[in-house]
C-alpha atoms as a PDB file:
ATOM      1  CA  MET A   1      12.377  21.290 -10.727  1.00  0.00           C
ATOM      2  CA  LYS A   2      16.206  21.338  -8.972  1.00  0.00           C
ATOM      3  CA  GLN A   3      18.095  18.332  -8.063  1.00  0.00           C
ATOM      4  CA  THR A   4      18.193  19.281  -4.353  1.00  0.00           C
ATOM      5  CA  THR A   5      13.759  19.521  -4.706  1.00  0.00           C
ATOM      6  CA  LEU A   6      13.787  16.294  -5.950  1.00  0.00           C
ATOM      7  CA  ILE A   7      15.796  14.655  -2.934  1.00  0.00           C
ATOM      8  CA  SER A   8      13.938  16.745  -0.402  1.00  0.00           C
ATOM      9  CA  PHE A   9      11.249  15.149  -1.842  1.00  0.00           C
ATOM     10  CA  PHE A  10      12.185  11.784  -1.824  1.00  0.00           C
ATOM     11  CA  LYS A  11      13.873  11.517   1.336  1.00  0.00           C
ATOM     12  CA  SER A  12      10.067  12.542   2.861  1.00  0.00           C
ATOM     13  CA  GLY A  13       8.033  10.933   0.577  1.00  0.00           C
ATOM     14  CA  ILE A  14       9.399   7.500  -0.260  1.00  0.00           C
ATOM     15  CA  CYS A  15       7.649   5.717   2.581  1.00  0.00           C
ATOM     16  CA  LEU A  16       4.303   6.865   1.034  1.00  0.00           C
ATOM     17  CA  LEU A  17       5.017   4.440  -2.150  1.00  0.00           C
ATOM     18  CA  ILE A  18       4.404   1.631   0.619  1.00  0.00           C
ATOM     19  CA  PRO A  19       0.700   1.072   0.608  1.00  0.00           C
ATOM     20  CA  VAL A  20      -0.144  -0.152  -3.082  1.00  0.00           C
ATOM     21  CA  THR A  21       3.101  -1.525  -3.179  1.00  0.00           C
ATOM     22  CA  MET A  22       3.589  -2.493   0.238  1.00  0.00           C
ATOM     23  CA  LEU A  23       5.602  -5.569   1.113  1.00  0.00           C
ATOM     24  CA  PHE A  24       7.301  -6.253  -1.593  1.00  0.00           C
ATOM     25  CA  SER A  25      10.466  -8.511  -0.333  1.00  0.00           C
ATOM     26  CA  ALA A  26      14.042  -6.356  -0.629  1.00  0.00           C
ATOM     27  CA  CYS A  27      15.265  -6.406  -3.800  1.00  0.00           C
ATOM     28  CA  GLY A  28      18.851  -8.550  -4.098  1.00  0.00           C
ATOM     29  CA  GLY A  29      22.108  -7.028  -2.240  1.00  0.00           C
ATOM     30  CA  GLY A  30      25.783  -5.579  -3.986  1.00  0.00           C
ATOM     31  CA  ASN A  31      27.977  -2.963  -4.049  1.00  0.00           C
ATOM     32  CA  ASP A  32      27.381  -1.541  -7.748  1.00  0.00           C
ATOM     33  CA  ASP A  33      24.082   0.149  -7.527  1.00  0.00           C
ATOM     34  CA  GLU A  34      24.379   0.095 -11.189  1.00  0.00           C
ATOM     35  CA  ASN A  35      24.268  -3.589 -11.454  1.00  0.00           C
ATOM     36  CA  VAL A  36      21.390  -3.602  -8.855  1.00  0.00           C
ATOM     37  CA  ASP A  37      19.441  -1.210 -11.183  1.00  0.00           C
ATOM     38  CA  LYS A  38      19.405  -3.586 -13.662  1.00  0.00           C
ATOM     39  CA  LYS A  39      18.250  -6.116 -12.007  1.00  0.00           C
ATOM     40  CA  LEU A  40      15.701  -4.481 -10.164  1.00  0.00           C
ATOM     41  CA  GLU A  41      12.947  -5.822 -12.992  1.00  0.00           C
ATOM     42  CA  ASN A  42      13.729  -8.924 -12.152  1.00  0.00           C
ATOM     43  CA  THR A  43      13.274  -8.353  -7.905  1.00  0.00           C
ATOM     44  CA  ILE A  44       9.493  -7.498  -8.190  1.00  0.00           C
ATOM     45  CA  ASP A  45       8.076  -9.836  -5.311  1.00  0.00           C
ATOM     46  CA  SER A  46       5.512  -9.650  -2.350  1.00  0.00           C
ATOM     47  CA  SER A  47       5.361 -11.013   1.036  1.00  0.00           C
ATOM     48  CA  ASN A  48       3.441 -10.053   4.382  1.00  0.00           C
ATOM     49  CA  VAL A  49       3.986  -7.641   6.738  1.00  0.00           C
ATOM     50  CA  ALA A  50       3.529  -8.797  10.906  1.00  0.00           C
ATOM     51  CA  LEU A  51       3.145  -5.851  13.459  1.00  0.00           C
ATOM     52  CA  GLY A  52       3.124  -7.127  17.030  1.00  0.00           C
ATOM     53  CA  VAL A  53       0.459  -5.068  19.392  1.00  0.00           C
ATOM     54  CA  SER A  54      -0.294  -6.379  22.701  1.00  0.00           C
ATOM     55  CA  GLY A  55       1.185  -9.540  22.797  1.00  0.00           C
ATOM     56  CA  LYS A  56      -0.218 -10.699  18.967  1.00  0.00           C
ATOM     57  CA  VAL A  57       1.090 -10.978  15.810  1.00  0.00           C
ATOM     58  CA  PHE A  58      -1.164  -9.718  12.958  1.00  0.00           C
ATOM     59  CA  ILE A  59      -0.083 -10.472   9.575  1.00  0.00           C
ATOM     60  CA  ILE A  60      -1.331  -8.185   6.383  1.00  0.00           C
ATOM     61  CA  PRO A  61      -0.909  -9.691   3.016  1.00  0.00           C
ATOM     62  CA  SER A  62       0.696  -7.550   0.555  1.00  0.00           C
ATOM     63  CA  PRO A  63      -1.942  -5.747  -2.002  1.00  0.00           C
ATOM     64  CA  ILE A  64       0.947  -5.983  -4.747  1.00  0.00           C
ATOM     65  CA  GLN A  65      -0.749  -8.512  -6.407  1.00  0.00           C
ATOM     66  CA  THR A  66      -3.972  -6.289  -6.633  1.00  0.00           C
ATOM     67  CA  ALA A  67      -1.712  -3.378  -8.375  1.00  0.00           C
ATOM     68  CA  ILE A  68       0.174  -5.381 -10.876  1.00  0.00           C
ATOM     69  CA  LEU A  69      -3.429  -6.798 -11.604  1.00  0.00           C
ATOM     70  CA  ILE A  70      -4.781  -3.399 -11.831  1.00  0.00           C
ATOM     71  CA  GLN A  71      -2.490  -2.788 -14.401  1.00  0.00           C
ATOM     72  CA  LYS A  72      -2.757  -5.732 -16.448  1.00  0.00           C
ATOM     73  CA  SER A  73      -6.586  -5.157 -16.836  1.00  0.00           C
ATOM     74  CA  GLY A  74      -6.235  -2.837 -18.962  1.00  0.00           C
ATOM     75  CA  ALA A  75      -8.047  -0.194 -17.175  1.00  0.00           C
ATOM     76  CA  ALA A  76      -6.927   3.624 -18.385  1.00  0.00           C
ATOM     77  CA  TYR A  77      -5.214   5.770 -15.453  1.00  0.00           C
ATOM     78  CA  ASP A  78      -8.057   7.853 -13.525  1.00  0.00           C
ATOM     79  CA  LYS A  79      -6.543  10.600 -11.622  1.00  0.00           C
ATOM     80  CA  GLY A  80     -10.069  11.046 -10.329  1.00  0.00           C
ATOM     81  CA  MET A  81      -9.674   7.853  -8.531  1.00  0.00           C
ATOM     82  CA  MET A  82      -7.093   9.504  -5.987  1.00  0.00           C
ATOM     83  CA  ASN A  83      -7.631  11.563  -3.139  1.00  0.00           C
ATOM     84  CA  ALA A  84      -7.243  15.235  -4.381  1.00  0.00           C
ATOM     85  CA  THR A  85      -3.767  16.930  -2.970  1.00  0.00           C
ATOM     86  CA  ASP A  86      -5.114  20.084  -1.936  1.00  0.00           C
ATOM     87  CA  LYS A  87      -7.050  18.407   1.086  1.00  0.00           C
ATOM     88  CA  ALA A  88      -3.463  17.375   2.572  1.00  0.00           C
ATOM     89  CA  ASN A  89      -3.353  20.676   4.564  1.00  0.00           C
ATOM     90  CA  SER A  90      -6.790  19.926   6.406  1.00  0.00           C
ATOM     91  CA  TYR A  91      -5.364  16.902   8.049  1.00  0.00           C
ATOM     92  CA  SER A  92      -4.464  17.847  11.363  1.00  0.00           C
ATOM     93  CA  THR A  93      -4.208  15.225  14.075  1.00  0.00           C
ATOM     94  CA  LYS A  94      -1.658  12.122  13.909  1.00  0.00           C
ATOM     95  CA  PHE A  95      -4.792   9.850  13.174  1.00  0.00           C
ATOM     96  CA  GLN A  96      -5.668  11.467  10.219  1.00  0.00           C
ATOM     97  CA  LYS A  97      -1.901  12.113   9.086  1.00  0.00           C
ATOM     98  CA  CYS A  98      -1.250   8.560   9.260  1.00  0.00           C
ATOM     99  CA  LEU A  99      -4.548   7.050   7.287  1.00  0.00           C
ATOM    100  CA  ASN A 100      -4.156   9.917   4.487  1.00  0.00           C
ATOM    101  CA  LEU A 101      -0.191   9.146   4.374  1.00  0.00           C
ATOM    102  CA  GLY A 102      -1.405   5.714   3.596  1.00  0.00           C
ATOM    103  CA  ILE A 103      -4.240   7.050   1.251  1.00  0.00           C
ATOM    104  CA  TYR A 104      -1.683   8.938  -0.745  1.00  0.00           C
ATOM    105  CA  GLY A 105       1.042   6.786  -0.553  1.00  0.00           C
ATOM    106  CA  ALA A 106      -1.000   4.610  -2.531  1.00  0.00           C
ATOM    107  CA  ASP A 107      -1.749   7.055  -4.657  1.00  0.00           C
ATOM    108  CA  LEU A 108       1.532   7.621  -5.214  1.00  0.00           C
ATOM    109  CA  GLY A 109       2.119   3.867  -6.290  1.00  0.00           C
ATOM    110  CA  TYR A 110      -1.221   4.222  -8.350  1.00  0.00           C
ATOM    111  CA  THR A 111       1.213   7.036 -10.499  1.00  0.00           C
ATOM    112  CA  THR A 112       4.040   5.096 -10.802  1.00  0.00           C
ATOM    113  CA  LEU A 113       2.078   2.013 -12.256  1.00  0.00           C
ATOM    114  CA  TYR A 114       0.797   3.749 -14.858  1.00  0.00           C
ATOM    115  CA  ASP A 115       4.205   5.757 -15.441  1.00  0.00           C
ATOM    116  CA  GLN A 116       2.999   9.143 -14.741  1.00  0.00           C
ATOM    117  CA  THR A 117       6.049  11.009 -13.278  1.00  0.00           C
ATOM    118  CA  GLN A 118       4.828  14.530 -13.289  1.00  0.00           C
ATOM    119  CA  ASP A 119       1.432  13.404 -11.251  1.00  0.00           C
ATOM    120  CA  ALA A 120       4.335  11.066  -8.721  1.00  0.00           C
ATOM    121  CA  ILE A 121       6.530  14.419  -8.555  1.00  0.00           C
ATOM    122  CA  THR A 122       3.226  16.336  -7.456  1.00  0.00           C
ATOM    123  CA  TYR A 123       1.860  13.487  -4.626  1.00  0.00           C
ATOM    124  CA  PHE A 124       5.701  13.580  -3.629  1.00  0.00           C
ATOM    125  CA  LYS A 125       5.588  17.072  -2.481  1.00  0.00           C
ATOM    126  CA  VAL A 126       2.000  16.240  -0.804  1.00  0.00           C
ATOM    127  CA  THR A 127       3.539  13.684   1.281  1.00  0.00           C
ATOM    128  CA  ASN A 128       6.427  15.637   1.620  1.00  0.00           C
ATOM    129  CA  ASP A 129       4.429  17.211   4.590  1.00  0.00           C
ATOM    130  CA  LEU A 130       2.958  15.000   6.001  1.00  0.00           C
ATOM    131  CA  ALA A 131       5.885  12.247   6.285  1.00  0.00           C
ATOM    132  CA  THR A 132       7.756  15.314   8.050  1.00  0.00           C
ATOM    133  CA  ASP A 133       5.172  16.167  10.511  1.00  0.00           C
ATOM    134  CA  LEU A 134       5.155  12.594  11.708  1.00  0.00           C
ATOM    135  CA  GLY A 135       9.135  12.110  11.980  1.00  0.00           C
ATOM    136  CA  LEU A 136       9.305   9.496   9.076  1.00  0.00           C
ATOM    137  CA  SER A 137      11.970  11.819   7.093  1.00  0.00           C
ATOM    138  CA  SER A 138      14.859  10.065   8.658  1.00  0.00           C
ATOM    139  CA  ALA A 139      14.309   6.458   7.775  1.00  0.00           C
ATOM    140  CA  PHE A 140      16.529   6.408   4.368  1.00  0.00           C
ATOM    141  CA  ASP A 141      19.801   7.273   3.091  1.00  0.00           C
ATOM    142  CA  ASN A 142      21.302   9.407   0.717  1.00  0.00           C
ATOM    143  CA  ASN A 143      22.352   6.186  -1.768  1.00  0.00           C
ATOM    144  CA  LEU A 144      18.720   4.956  -1.795  1.00  0.00           C
ATOM    145  CA  ILE A 145      16.775   8.669  -2.191  1.00  0.00           C
ATOM    146  CA  GLN A 146      19.773   9.259  -5.240  1.00  0.00           C
ATOM    147  CA  ARG A 147      18.513   5.719  -7.147  1.00  0.00           C
ATOM    148  CA  PHE A 148      15.025   6.592  -6.453  1.00  0.00           C
ATOM    149  CA  GLN A 149      15.847   9.955  -8.081  1.00  0.00           C
ATOM    150  CA  LYS A 150      18.081   7.910 -10.937  1.00  0.00           C
ATOM    151  CA  ASN A 151      15.122   5.998 -11.625  1.00  0.00           C
ATOM    152  CA  LEU A 152      12.530   8.441 -12.008  1.00  0.00           C
ATOM    153  CA  GLY A 153      10.189   7.410 -14.890  1.00  0.00           C
ATOM    154  CA  LYS A 154      11.922   3.385 -14.848  1.00  0.00           C
ATOM    155  CA  LYS A 155       8.543   1.921 -13.397  1.00  0.00           C
ATOM    156  CA  ASP A 156       9.638  -1.324 -12.898  1.00  0.00           C
ATOM    157  CA  SER A 157      12.917  -0.134 -11.214  1.00  0.00           C
ATOM    158  CA  MET A 158      10.792   2.416  -9.139  1.00  0.00           C
ATOM    159  CA  LEU A 159       8.405  -0.823  -8.388  1.00  0.00           C
ATOM    160  CA  SER A 160      11.413  -2.894  -7.057  1.00  0.00           C
ATOM    161  CA  LEU A 161      13.258   0.229  -5.112  1.00  0.00           C
ATOM    162  CA  VAL A 162       9.821   0.651  -3.301  1.00  0.00           C
ATOM    163  CA  SER A 163      10.522  -2.574  -1.677  1.00  0.00           C
ATOM    164  CA  VAL A 164      13.685  -1.139  -0.146  1.00  0.00           C
ATOM    165  CA  ALA A 165      12.010   1.715   0.681  1.00  0.00           C
ATOM    166  CA  TYR A 166       9.113  -0.199   2.128  1.00  0.00           C
ATOM    167  CA  ARG A 167      11.543  -2.313   4.493  1.00  0.00           C
ATOM    168  CA  ALA A 168      13.665   0.869   5.759  1.00  0.00           C
ATOM    169  CA  SER A 169      10.098   2.601   6.799  1.00  0.00           C
ATOM    170  CA  ASN A 170       8.853  -0.498   8.451  1.00  0.00           C
ATOM    171  CA  ASP A 171      12.550  -1.094  10.083  1.00  0.00           C
ATOM    172  CA  PHE A 172      12.173   2.223  11.133  1.00  0.00           C
ATOM    173  CA  LEU A 173       8.892   2.425  12.729  1.00  0.00           C
ATOM    174  CA  LYS A 174       9.083  -0.746  14.418  1.00  0.00           C
ATOM    175  CA  ASP A 175      12.708  -0.574  15.935  1.00  0.00           C
ATOM    176  CA  ASN A 176      11.134   3.095  17.214  1.00  0.00           C
ATOM    177  CA  GLU A 177       8.184   1.028  18.450  1.00  0.00           C
ATOM    178  CA  ARG A 178       5.855   3.068  16.583  1.00  0.00           C
ATOM    179  CA  ASN A 179       3.326   0.129  15.888  1.00  0.00           C
ATOM    180  CA  GLU A 180       0.598   1.957  15.867  1.00  0.00           C
ATOM    181  CA  GLU A 181       1.380   4.775  13.100  1.00  0.00           C
ATOM    182  CA  ALA A 182       2.791   1.486  10.888  1.00  0.00           C
ATOM    183  CA  ALA A 183      -1.087   0.037  11.600  1.00  0.00           C
ATOM    184  CA  LEU A 184      -2.763   3.501  10.266  1.00  0.00           C
ATOM    185  CA  ILE A 185      -0.844   3.853   7.470  1.00  0.00           C
ATOM    186  CA  ILE A 186      -1.245   0.417   6.398  1.00  0.00           C
ATOM    187  CA  ALA A 187      -5.237   0.524   7.070  1.00  0.00           C
ATOM    188  CA  GLY A 188      -4.982   3.835   4.713  1.00  0.00           C
ATOM    189  CA  GLY A 189      -3.094   2.073   2.056  1.00  0.00           C
ATOM    190  CA  TRP A 190      -5.151  -1.192   1.951  1.00  0.00           C
ATOM    191  CA  ILE A 191      -8.758   0.958   2.284  1.00  0.00           C
ATOM    192  CA  GLU A 192      -7.476   2.803  -0.878  1.00  0.00           C
ATOM    193  CA  THR A 193      -5.730  -0.005  -2.792  1.00  0.00           C
ATOM    194  CA  LEU A 194      -9.310  -2.052  -2.331  1.00  0.00           C
ATOM    195  CA  GLN A 195     -11.121   1.392  -3.691  1.00  0.00           C
ATOM    196  CA  PHE A 196      -8.825   1.290  -6.702  1.00  0.00           C
ATOM    197  CA  ALA A 197      -9.790  -2.491  -7.117  1.00  0.00           C
ATOM    198  CA  ILE A 198     -13.569  -1.993  -7.139  1.00  0.00           C
ATOM    199  CA  GLY A 199     -13.421   1.223  -9.109  1.00  0.00           C
ATOM    200  CA  VAL A 200     -11.448  -0.831 -11.866  1.00  0.00           C
ATOM    201  CA  MET A 201     -13.935  -3.729 -11.473  1.00  0.00           C
ATOM    202  CA  LYS A 202     -16.690  -1.384 -12.494  1.00  0.00           C
ATOM    203  CA  THR A 203     -14.946  -0.642 -16.097  1.00  0.00           C
ATOM    204  CA  LYS A 204     -12.402  -3.621 -17.008  1.00  0.00           C
ATOM    205  CA  GLY A 205     -13.281  -5.996 -14.410  1.00  0.00           C
ATOM    206  CA  ASN A 206     -12.217 -10.085 -14.736  1.00  0.00           C
ATOM    207  CA  GLU A 207     -11.730 -12.903 -12.877  1.00  0.00           C
ATOM    208  CA  ASP A 208      -8.187 -12.188 -11.137  1.00  0.00           C
ATOM    209  CA  ILE A 209      -9.893  -8.373  -9.909  1.00  0.00           C
ATOM    210  CA  LYS A 210     -12.747 -10.415  -8.541  1.00  0.00           C
ATOM    211  CA  ARG A 211     -10.472 -12.945  -7.129  1.00  0.00           C
ATOM    212  CA  ARG A 212      -8.728 -10.224  -5.185  1.00  0.00           C
ATOM    213  CA  ILE A 213     -11.838  -8.336  -3.592  1.00  0.00           C
ATOM    214  CA  ALA A 214     -12.731 -11.429  -2.337  1.00  0.00           C
ATOM    215  CA  GLU A 215      -9.499 -12.412  -0.993  1.00  0.00           C
ATOM    216  CA  GLN A 216      -9.404  -9.224   1.344  1.00  0.00           C
ATOM    217  CA  LYS A 217     -11.774 -10.991   3.642  1.00  0.00           C
ATOM    218  CA  ASN A 218      -9.285 -12.060   5.800  1.00  0.00           C
ATOM    219  CA  THR A 219      -6.924  -9.002   5.732  1.00  0.00           C
ATOM    220  CA  LEU A 220      -9.964  -7.372   6.760  1.00  0.00           C
ATOM    221  CA  ASN A 221     -10.694  -9.346   9.649  1.00  0.00           C
ATOM    222  CA  ASN A 222      -7.245  -9.266  11.032  1.00  0.00           C
ATOM    223  CA  LEU A 223      -7.396  -5.657  10.396  1.00  0.00           C
ATOM    224  CA  ILE A 224     -10.073  -4.501  12.756  1.00  0.00           C
ATOM    225  CA  SER A 225      -7.878  -6.943  15.179  1.00  0.00           C
ATOM    226  CA  LEU A 226      -5.132  -4.710  14.396  1.00  0.00           C
ATOM    227  CA  LEU A 227      -6.836  -1.314  15.072  1.00  0.00           C
ATOM    228  CA  SER A 228      -9.047  -2.681  17.995  1.00  0.00           C
ATOM    229  CA  ALA A 229      -5.858  -2.520  19.905  1.00  0.00           C
ATOM    230  CA  TYR A 230      -5.878   1.340  19.914  1.00  0.00           C
ATOM    231  CA  GLN A 231      -9.806   1.647  19.974  1.00  0.00           C
ATOM    232  CA  GLY A 232      -9.102   3.520  23.353  1.00  0.00           C
ATOM    233  CA  ASN A 233      -8.735   6.381  21.328  1.00  0.00           C
ATOM    234  CA  GLU A 234     -11.864   7.935  20.453  1.00  0.00           C
ATOM    235  CA  GLU A 235     -10.685   8.691  16.830  1.00  0.00           C
ATOM    236  CA  TYR A 236     -10.875   5.049  16.154  1.00  0.00           C
ATOM    237  CA  ALA A 237     -14.267   4.239  17.246  1.00  0.00           C
ATOM    238  CA  GLU A 238     -16.021   5.901  13.993  1.00  0.00           C
ATOM    239  CA  LEU A 239     -13.293   4.052  11.641  1.00  0.00           C
ATOM    240  CA  LEU A 240     -13.376   0.788  13.438  1.00  0.00           C
ATOM    241  CA  GLN A 241     -17.583   0.737  13.469  1.00  0.00           C
ATOM    242  CA  LYS A 242     -17.241   1.073   9.695  1.00  0.00           C
ATOM    243  CA  LEU A 243     -14.662  -1.317   9.450  1.00  0.00           C
ATOM    244  CA  ASN A 244     -17.263  -3.636  10.847  1.00  0.00           C
ATOM    245  CA  ASP A 245     -19.955  -2.959   8.504  1.00  0.00           C
ATOM    246  CA  LEU A 246     -18.152  -3.649   5.432  1.00  0.00           C
ATOM    247  CA  LYS A 247     -17.404  -6.936   7.387  1.00  0.00           C
ATOM    248  CA  THR A 248     -20.777  -7.860   7.424  1.00  0.00           C
ATOM    249  CA  GLU A 249     -20.827  -7.330   3.367  1.00  0.00           C
ATOM    250  CA  TYR A 250     -17.626  -9.616   3.074  1.00  0.00           C
ATOM    251  CA  ASP A 251     -19.327 -12.170   5.750  1.00  0.00           C
ATOM    252  CA  LYS A 252     -21.326 -13.190   2.927  1.00  0.00           C
ATOM    253  CA  VAL A 253     -17.992 -14.108   0.768  1.00  0.00           C
ATOM    254  CA  GLY A 254     -17.532 -17.748   0.678  1.00  0.00           C
ATOM    255  CA  TYR A 255     -13.150 -17.518   0.822  1.00  0.00           C
ATOM    256  CA  LYS A 256     -11.166 -20.786   1.244  1.00  0.00           C
ATOM    257  CA  TYR A 257      -7.382 -20.532   1.579  1.00  0.00           C
ATOM    258  CA  ILE A 258      -5.254 -23.223   0.120  1.00  0.00           C
ATOM    259  CA  TYR A 259      -1.599 -22.458   1.439  1.00  0.00           C
ATOM    260  CA  GLU A 260       0.633 -24.451  -0.704  1.00  0.00           C
ATOM    261  CA  THR A 261       4.699 -23.659   0.226  1.00  0.00           C
ATOM    262  CA  PRO A 262       6.301 -21.005  -1.987  1.00  0.00           C
ATOM    263  CA  VAL A 263       9.176 -21.818  -4.417  1.00  0.00           C
ATOM    264  CA  THR A 264      11.914 -19.392  -4.406  1.00  0.00           C
ATOM    265  CA  ASP A 265      14.660 -19.065  -6.859  1.00  0.00           C
ATOM    266  CA  GLU A 266      18.033 -18.629  -4.976  1.00  0.00           C
ATOM    267  CA  VAL A 267      20.063 -17.333  -7.896  1.00  0.00           C
ATOM    268  CA  ASN A 268      17.646 -14.432  -9.161  1.00  0.00           C
ATOM    269  CA  LYS A 269      16.248 -13.723  -5.138  1.00  0.00           C
ATOM    270  CA  VAL A 270      12.645 -14.090  -6.427  1.00  0.00           C
ATOM    271  CA  THR A 271       9.714 -16.034  -4.734  1.00  0.00           C
ATOM    272  CA  THR A 272       6.538 -17.595  -6.383  1.00  0.00           C
ATOM    273  CA  ILE A 273       3.580 -17.544  -4.437  1.00  0.00           C
ATOM    274  CA  THR A 274       1.546 -21.102  -5.229  1.00  0.00           C
ATOM    275  CA  SER A 275      -0.964 -20.903  -2.470  1.00  0.00           C
ATOM    276  CA  LYS A 276      -4.667 -21.140  -3.789  1.00  0.00           C
ATOM    277  CA  SER A 277      -8.090 -19.853  -3.154  1.00  0.00           C
ATOM    278  CA  GLU A 278     -11.562 -20.732  -3.444  1.00  0.00           C
ATOM    279  CA  ILE A 279     -14.024 -17.966  -3.745  1.00  0.00           C
ATOM    280  CA  THR A 280     -17.857 -17.206  -4.143  1.00  0.00           C
ATOM    281  CA  ILE A 281     -19.058 -13.519  -4.366  1.00  0.00           C
ATOM    282  CA  THR A 282     -21.846 -12.057  -6.393  1.00  0.00           C
ATOM    283  CA  PRO A 283     -21.765  -9.096  -8.375  1.00  0.00           C
ATOM    284  CA  GLU A 284     -24.587  -7.721  -5.792  1.00  0.00           C
ATOM    285  CA  SER A 285     -21.971  -7.940  -3.139  1.00  0.00           C
ATOM    286  CA  ILE A 286     -19.050  -6.574  -5.068  1.00  0.00           C
ATOM    287  CA  ASN A 287     -21.419  -3.322  -5.361  1.00  0.00           C
ATOM    288  CA  ALA A 288     -22.228  -3.499  -1.599  1.00  0.00           C
ATOM    289  CA  ILE A 289     -18.204  -3.687  -0.812  1.00  0.00           C
ATOM    290  CA  GLY A 290     -17.635  -0.746  -2.953  1.00  0.00           C
ATOM    291  CA  GLU A 291     -20.101   1.240  -1.049  1.00  0.00           C
ATOM    292  CA  LYS A 292     -18.919   0.600   2.068  1.00  0.00           C
ATOM    293  CA  ILE A 293     -15.549   1.275   1.354  1.00  0.00           C
ATOM    294  CA  ALA A 294     -16.544   4.627  -0.466  1.00  0.00           C
ATOM    295  CA  ALA A 295     -17.992   4.938   2.930  1.00  0.00           C
ATOM    296  CA  ILE A 296     -14.508   4.816   5.287  1.00  0.00           C
ATOM    297  CA  ARG A 297     -12.493   6.177   2.462  1.00  0.00           C
ATOM    298  CA  GLY A 298     -15.028   9.435   2.504  1.00  0.00           C
ATOM    299  CA  LEU A 299     -14.652   9.347   6.427  1.00  0.00           C
ATOM    300  CA  ILE A 300     -10.517   9.301   6.007  1.00  0.00           C
ATOM    301  CA  THR A 301     -10.015  12.025   3.308  1.00  0.00           C
ATOM    302  CA  ALA A 302     -12.532  14.275   4.000  1.00  0.00           C
END
């Protein structure tokens, strides 16, 4: 593929990596790109996204830990879990495009986690049209694009650069008061990531993934509140109904979050999350949650 074409994919599609790896903290500074890129592997981190809507601030935790757990589980790469790229042209409204931008972004992050370079390029191409249609392609400078191209195929470096891309895209949306688009992209990515976790749980499930699924109970509540700010738009009605159906299943999950102050290594600019959680979730609940999230995803990607 020609260099100019790759750059075009990166420029228009970079922000679509954000949902699966969304909310990494930005990597450390420095003027020497080569030195920065050498440190990328050590700068993967997670933080939260905060969106202000109607005078309220909604916090959505990072799903990066879910992505890492999926990889560590030993589950094989499953292309069938991703949204088919030939559906992209069927999404016509802003609502559909934003949600599926999140879906495809999660898929793109998934291909990156598994070093599937050719599939990653394919998903970059799909996100190109969606990002351009939504006016997001101007969020990134050429330096960032070139660094992505340089690190193509280097998983850890790509994941860390996603942190920079996320911050750029998130700042772009907030600075331009496009919180609705940001909320929908986040929602699509969260739904796809949870779908990945449920799928992996069925084949390579372990306690860490089970815990991560249960921990999404609070995130779901925040997501419903966030999207409810836009429920005057009739497109939201069915999505919110299905999210509330999912909430009825999550209401059966016992979850208690125990906050502890994160530990920050100022030298390496790495923050370690030390908070803990206590959960109670049955196999039946996991299956029911899986069925509900599949229905939601089906509504979005149809």
